[in-house]
Amino acid sequence: MAARPPPPARPPAGKPRSAGPPCVSLNRA
């Protein structure tokens, strides 16, 4: 597991997903 890179930093759930960065789309999947 140590070889695996850390997960990407995602915005807090309090912020709207539509107004978030494109990364939010990946978290939603």
C-alpha atoms as a PDB file:
ATOM      1  CA  MET A   1       0.000   0.000   0.000  1.00  0.00           C
ATOM      2  CA  ALA A   2       2.933   2.342   0.656  1.00  0.00           C
ATOM      3  CA  ALA A   3       3.809   2.222  -3.059  1.00  0.00           C
ATOM      4  CA  ARG A   4       0.382   3.653  -3.910  1.00  0.00           C
ATOM      5  CA  PRO A   5       0.299   7.488  -4.275  1.00  0.00           C
ATOM      6  CA  PRO A   6      -1.944   9.467  -1.903  1.00  0.00           C
ATOM      7  CA  PRO A   7      -5.515  10.265  -3.043  1.00  0.00           C
ATOM      8  CA  PRO A   8      -6.080  13.631  -4.780  1.00  0.00           C
ATOM      9  CA  ALA A   9      -7.213  16.456  -2.511  1.00  0.00           C
ATOM     10  CA  ARG A  10     -10.953  16.909  -3.002  1.00  0.00           C
ATOM     11  CA  PRO A  11     -12.948  20.016  -1.940  1.00  0.00           C
ATOM     12  CA  PRO A  12     -15.151  19.884   1.185  1.00  0.00           C
ATOM     13  CA  ALA A  13     -18.646  18.454   0.811  1.00  0.00           C
ATOM     14  CA  GLY A  14     -20.036  21.831   1.917  1.00  0.00           C
ATOM     15  CA  LYS A  15     -19.108  23.396  -1.459  1.00  0.00           C
ATOM     16  CA  PRO A  16     -21.430  22.840  -4.449  1.00  0.00           C
ATOM     17  CA  ARG A  17     -20.133  20.203  -6.895  1.00  0.00           C
ATOM     18  CA  SER A  18     -21.235  22.162  -9.967  1.00  0.00           C
ATOM     19  CA  ALA A  19     -19.113  25.135  -8.831  1.00  0.00           C
ATOM     20  CA  GLY A  20     -16.132  22.915  -7.990  1.00  0.00           C
ATOM     21  CA  PRO A  21     -13.099  22.024 -10.155  1.00  0.00           C
ATOM     22  CA  PRO A  22     -13.252  19.270 -12.833  1.00  0.00           C
ATOM     23  CA  CYS A  23     -11.702  16.928 -10.248  1.00  0.00           C
ATOM     24  CA  VAL A  24     -15.098  16.779  -8.537  1.00  0.00           C
ATOM     25  CA  SER A  25     -16.444  14.845 -11.522  1.00  0.00           C
ATOM     26  CA  LEU A  26     -13.967  12.034 -10.790  1.00  0.00           C
ATOM     27  CA  ASN A  27     -14.926  11.929  -7.101  1.00  0.00           C
ATOM     28  CA  ARG A  28     -18.597  11.642  -8.055  1.00  0.00           C
ATOM     29  CA  ALA A  29     -17.966   8.558 -10.187  1.00  0.00           C
END
